[in-house]
């Protein structure tokens, strides 16, 4: 089992910044794939940023504004969000695909609201 605990959401004005964190514990590996998704009101969960061994991918809507990174041990994944826009408002979820069991694990979600 893998446990993911998110932190760092909140209310920010347009143009502002936030950094989300997702700390993992349990049966994790440094080569797990990691990512951040978001879900605005509605059924669709959107991939925001993904990090695999040596490669990062971003949704077109966040390129140049958001950065995904990890700590040295790859236990914690971060999402630095700059130049935030109202359309970035959503619940953000971290994801970790554990190489040891092939399962996807999800954080509890953290609300990000961009509003003046």
Protein backbone atom coordinates (compact mmCIF):
# COMPACT_ATOMS: atom_id res chain seq x y z
CA UNK A 1 0.00 0.00 0.00
CA UNK A 2 0.98 3.58 -0.65
CA UNK A 3 -0.27 6.60 1.25
CA UNK A 4 -0.26 10.09 -0.25
CA UNK A 5 -0.83 13.24 1.80
CA UNK A 6 -1.29 16.54 0.00
CA UNK A 7 -0.86 20.06 1.27
CA UNK A 8 -0.55 23.61 -0.02
CA UNK A 9 -3.89 24.52 -1.57
CA UNK A 10 -5.80 27.69 -0.81
CA UNK A 11 -7.21 30.95 -2.11
CA UNK A 12 -5.00 33.16 -4.25
CA UNK A 13 -5.55 36.19 -6.45
CA UNK A 14 -5.08 36.02 -10.21
CA UNK A 15 -1.40 36.30 -11.05
CA UNK A 16 -0.38 34.80 -7.74
CA UNK A 17 1.37 31.54 -6.95
CA UNK A 18 1.01 28.42 -4.84
CA UNK A 19 3.09 25.31 -4.27
CA UNK A 20 1.40 21.99 -3.71
CA UNK A 21 3.16 19.10 -1.98
CA UNK A 22 2.38 15.41 -1.93
CA UNK A 23 4.27 13.25 0.53
CA UNK A 24 4.31 9.50 -0.13
CA UNK A 25 4.90 6.64 2.26
CA UNK A 26 4.54 2.88 2.19
CA UNK A 27 5.65 0.61 -0.63
CA UNK A 28 7.12 3.29 -2.83
CA UNK A 29 10.03 3.25 -5.21
CA UNK A 30 12.18 6.02 -6.61
CA UNK A 31 11.13 4.97 -10.13
CA UNK A 32 7.38 5.31 -9.56
CA UNK A 33 5.58 7.57 -12.02
CA UNK A 34 4.04 10.63 -10.40
CA UNK A 35 1.61 13.26 -11.50
CA UNK A 36 -0.85 15.97 -10.63
CA UNK A 37 -4.45 16.03 -11.84
CA UNK A 38 -7.22 18.51 -11.28
CA UNK A 39 -10.98 18.39 -11.30
CA UNK A 40 -13.19 21.41 -11.68
CA UNK A 41 -16.94 20.92 -11.03
CA UNK A 42 -17.93 18.09 -13.38
CA UNK A 43 -16.92 14.51 -13.99
CA UNK A 44 -13.66 15.01 -15.89
CA UNK A 45 -10.31 14.77 -14.09
CA UNK A 46 -7.59 16.47 -16.14
CA UNK A 47 -3.88 15.61 -16.17
CA UNK A 48 -1.90 18.73 -15.27
CA UNK A 49 1.67 17.46 -15.06
CA UNK A 50 3.38 14.10 -15.07
CA UNK A 51 6.85 12.97 -14.09
CA UNK A 52 8.41 9.70 -15.10
CA UNK A 53 12.04 8.71 -14.93
CA UNK A 54 13.81 11.49 -16.79
CA UNK A 55 10.76 13.02 -18.46
CA UNK A 56 8.07 15.58 -17.64
CA UNK A 57 4.81 16.34 -19.44
CA UNK A 58 2.43 19.24 -18.98
CA UNK A 59 -1.05 20.10 -20.13
CA UNK A 60 -0.95 22.84 -22.76
CA UNK A 61 -2.96 25.10 -20.49
CA UNK A 62 -0.24 25.16 -17.82
CA UNK A 63 2.98 25.01 -19.83
CA UNK A 64 5.35 27.78 -18.82
CA UNK A 65 3.45 28.45 -15.60
CA UNK A 66 3.51 25.18 -13.62
CA UNK A 67 6.51 23.03 -12.71
CA UNK A 68 6.49 19.50 -11.33
CA UNK A 69 9.46 18.37 -9.26
CA UNK A 70 10.46 15.99 -6.50
CA UNK A 71 12.78 15.85 -3.53
CA UNK A 72 16.04 13.94 -3.94
CA UNK A 73 14.57 10.67 -2.67
CA UNK A 74 11.49 11.05 -4.91
CA UNK A 75 9.27 10.60 -1.87
CA UNK A 76 7.60 13.98 -2.20
CA UNK A 77 6.30 15.53 -5.41
CA UNK A 78 5.67 19.22 -5.77
CA UNK A 79 3.66 21.37 -8.13
CA UNK A 80 4.81 24.96 -8.34
CA UNK A 81 2.01 27.03 -9.84
CA UNK A 82 2.81 30.56 -11.00
CA UNK A 83 0.76 33.19 -12.82
CA UNK A 84 -2.43 31.55 -11.64
CA UNK A 85 -5.65 32.20 -13.52
CA UNK A 86 -9.28 31.83 -12.44
CA UNK A 87 -9.59 28.86 -14.79
CA UNK A 88 -6.97 27.03 -12.69
CA UNK A 89 -9.55 26.78 -9.92
CA UNK A 90 -10.11 23.11 -9.14
CA UNK A 91 -9.44 20.34 -6.67
CA UNK A 92 -5.91 19.11 -7.30
CA UNK A 93 -4.99 15.46 -6.77
CA UNK A 94 -1.58 13.87 -6.74
CA UNK A 95 -1.15 10.47 -8.28
CA UNK A 96 1.52 7.83 -7.91
CA UNK A 97 1.74 4.68 -10.00
CA UNK A 98 3.62 2.23 -7.83
CA UNK A 99 6.07 0.09 -9.76
CA UNK A 100 5.98 -2.56 -7.01
CA UNK A 101 2.32 -3.47 -7.46
CA UNK A 102 1.27 -1.60 -10.60
CA UNK A 103 -1.54 0.21 -8.81
CA UNK A 104 -2.51 3.87 -9.02
CA UNK A 105 -2.73 5.73 -5.72
CA UNK A 106 -4.36 9.10 -5.12
CA UNK A 107 -4.02 11.87 -2.61
CA UNK A 108 -7.05 13.23 -0.78
CA UNK A 109 -7.25 16.32 -2.97
CA UNK A 110 -6.59 19.95 -2.15
CA UNK A 111 -8.72 22.90 -3.24
CA UNK A 112 -7.11 25.68 -5.24
CA UNK A 113 -9.23 28.76 -5.80
CA UNK A 114 -8.03 31.65 -7.93
CA UNK A 115 -10.22 34.67 -7.44
CA UNK A 116 -10.02 38.39 -6.74
